[in-house]
Amino acid sequence: MEVLYFAWVRERIGLPRETVTTEAATVADLVAELSAREDRYALAFSDLSVLRVALDQDLSDFSAPLDGVREVAFFPPMTGG
């Protein structure tokens, strides 16, 4: 699946996107796999309360299943202005 990173998440990880092969069942499982890779991922995912996730461009939550998902995007909450 494609994993996309936006804003400060992208800055911390150092990539705008990557293709990931995973056995993760949920978004939280994917976050755990990514966090275990390197410190930069662990830092980016250290506080999930300041992150949002979209699955195939639909807002979702970290307990959502990944079965059939093609794209996961992580980003900070958006503010209006």
Protein backbone atom coordinates (compact mmCIF):
# COMPACT_ATOMS: atom_id res chain seq x y z
CA MET A 1 0.00 0.00 0.00
CA GLU A 2 1.00 3.60 -0.42
CA VAL A 3 1.65 5.54 2.78
CA LEU A 4 1.62 9.33 2.52
CA TYR A 5 3.00 11.80 5.07
CA PHE A 6 2.03 15.47 5.23
CA ALA A 7 3.30 18.61 7.00
CA TRP A 8 5.52 17.99 10.05
CA VAL A 9 4.96 14.22 9.77
CA ARG A 10 6.72 14.33 6.38
CA GLU A 11 9.47 16.53 7.82
CA ARG A 12 10.16 14.15 10.72
CA ILE A 13 10.15 11.02 8.58
CA GLY A 14 11.95 12.64 5.65
CA LEU A 15 9.69 11.21 2.96
CA PRO A 16 6.50 12.44 1.33
CA ARG A 17 5.35 8.88 0.52
CA GLU A 18 6.49 5.29 0.38
CA THR A 19 5.22 1.88 -0.65
CA VAL A 20 4.86 -0.41 2.35
CA THR A 21 4.33 -4.15 2.46
CA THR A 22 2.62 -4.99 5.71
CA GLU A 23 0.70 -7.67 7.54
CA ALA A 24 -0.89 -5.02 9.80
CA ALA A 25 -4.59 -5.58 10.44
CA THR A 26 -5.35 -2.03 11.59
CA VAL A 27 -3.94 1.46 11.26
CA ALA A 28 -2.62 1.17 14.82
CA ASP A 29 -0.77 -2.02 13.86
CA LEU A 30 0.75 -0.23 10.87
CA VAL A 31 1.86 2.65 13.11
CA ALA A 32 3.49 0.14 15.47
CA GLU A 33 5.35 -1.51 12.55
CA LEU A 34 6.53 1.83 11.19
CA SER A 35 7.55 3.11 14.64
CA ALA A 36 9.70 0.02 15.17
CA ARG A 37 11.65 0.71 11.95
CA GLU A 38 13.70 3.73 13.00
CA ASP A 39 13.73 6.57 15.51
CA ARG A 40 12.42 9.05 12.94
CA TYR A 41 9.19 7.05 12.59
CA ALA A 42 8.92 6.58 16.36
CA LEU A 43 9.24 10.35 16.79
CA ALA A 44 6.61 11.12 14.14
CA PHE A 45 4.12 8.68 15.70
CA SER A 46 4.97 9.31 19.36
CA ASP A 47 1.69 11.12 20.09
CA LEU A 48 -1.25 9.86 18.03
CA SER A 49 -3.56 12.45 19.59
CA VAL A 50 -1.96 15.09 17.33
CA LEU A 51 -2.36 13.01 14.16
CA ARG A 52 -5.18 12.24 11.80
CA VAL A 53 -5.41 9.41 9.30
CA ALA A 54 -7.23 8.93 6.01
CA LEU A 55 -7.78 5.59 4.29
CA ASP A 56 -8.23 5.86 0.54
CA GLN A 57 -8.86 9.60 1.07
CA ASP A 58 -11.60 9.13 3.70
CA LEU A 59 -10.99 10.29 7.27
CA SER A 60 -10.74 7.35 9.60
CA ASP A 61 -9.35 6.36 12.98
CA PHE A 62 -6.44 4.32 14.22
CA SER A 63 -8.57 1.26 15.02
CA ALA A 64 -9.79 1.00 11.41
CA PRO A 65 -9.02 -2.19 9.50
CA LEU A 66 -6.60 -2.05 6.57
CA ASP A 67 -8.11 -4.91 4.57
CA GLY A 68 -8.43 -3.73 0.97
CA VAL A 69 -6.96 -0.27 1.66
CA ARG A 70 -4.65 1.04 -1.06
CA GLU A 71 -3.59 4.37 0.49
CA VAL A 72 -2.99 5.52 4.06
CA ALA A 73 -2.28 9.20 4.74
CA PHE A 74 -1.02 10.65 8.02
CA PHE A 75 -1.30 14.37 8.76
CA PRO A 76 -1.77 16.81 11.64
CA PRO A 77 -5.25 18.21 12.33
CA MET A 78 -6.26 20.95 9.94
CA THR A 79 -7.25 24.35 11.21
CA GLY A 80 -9.54 26.86 9.58
CA GLY A 81 -8.65 30.40 8.83
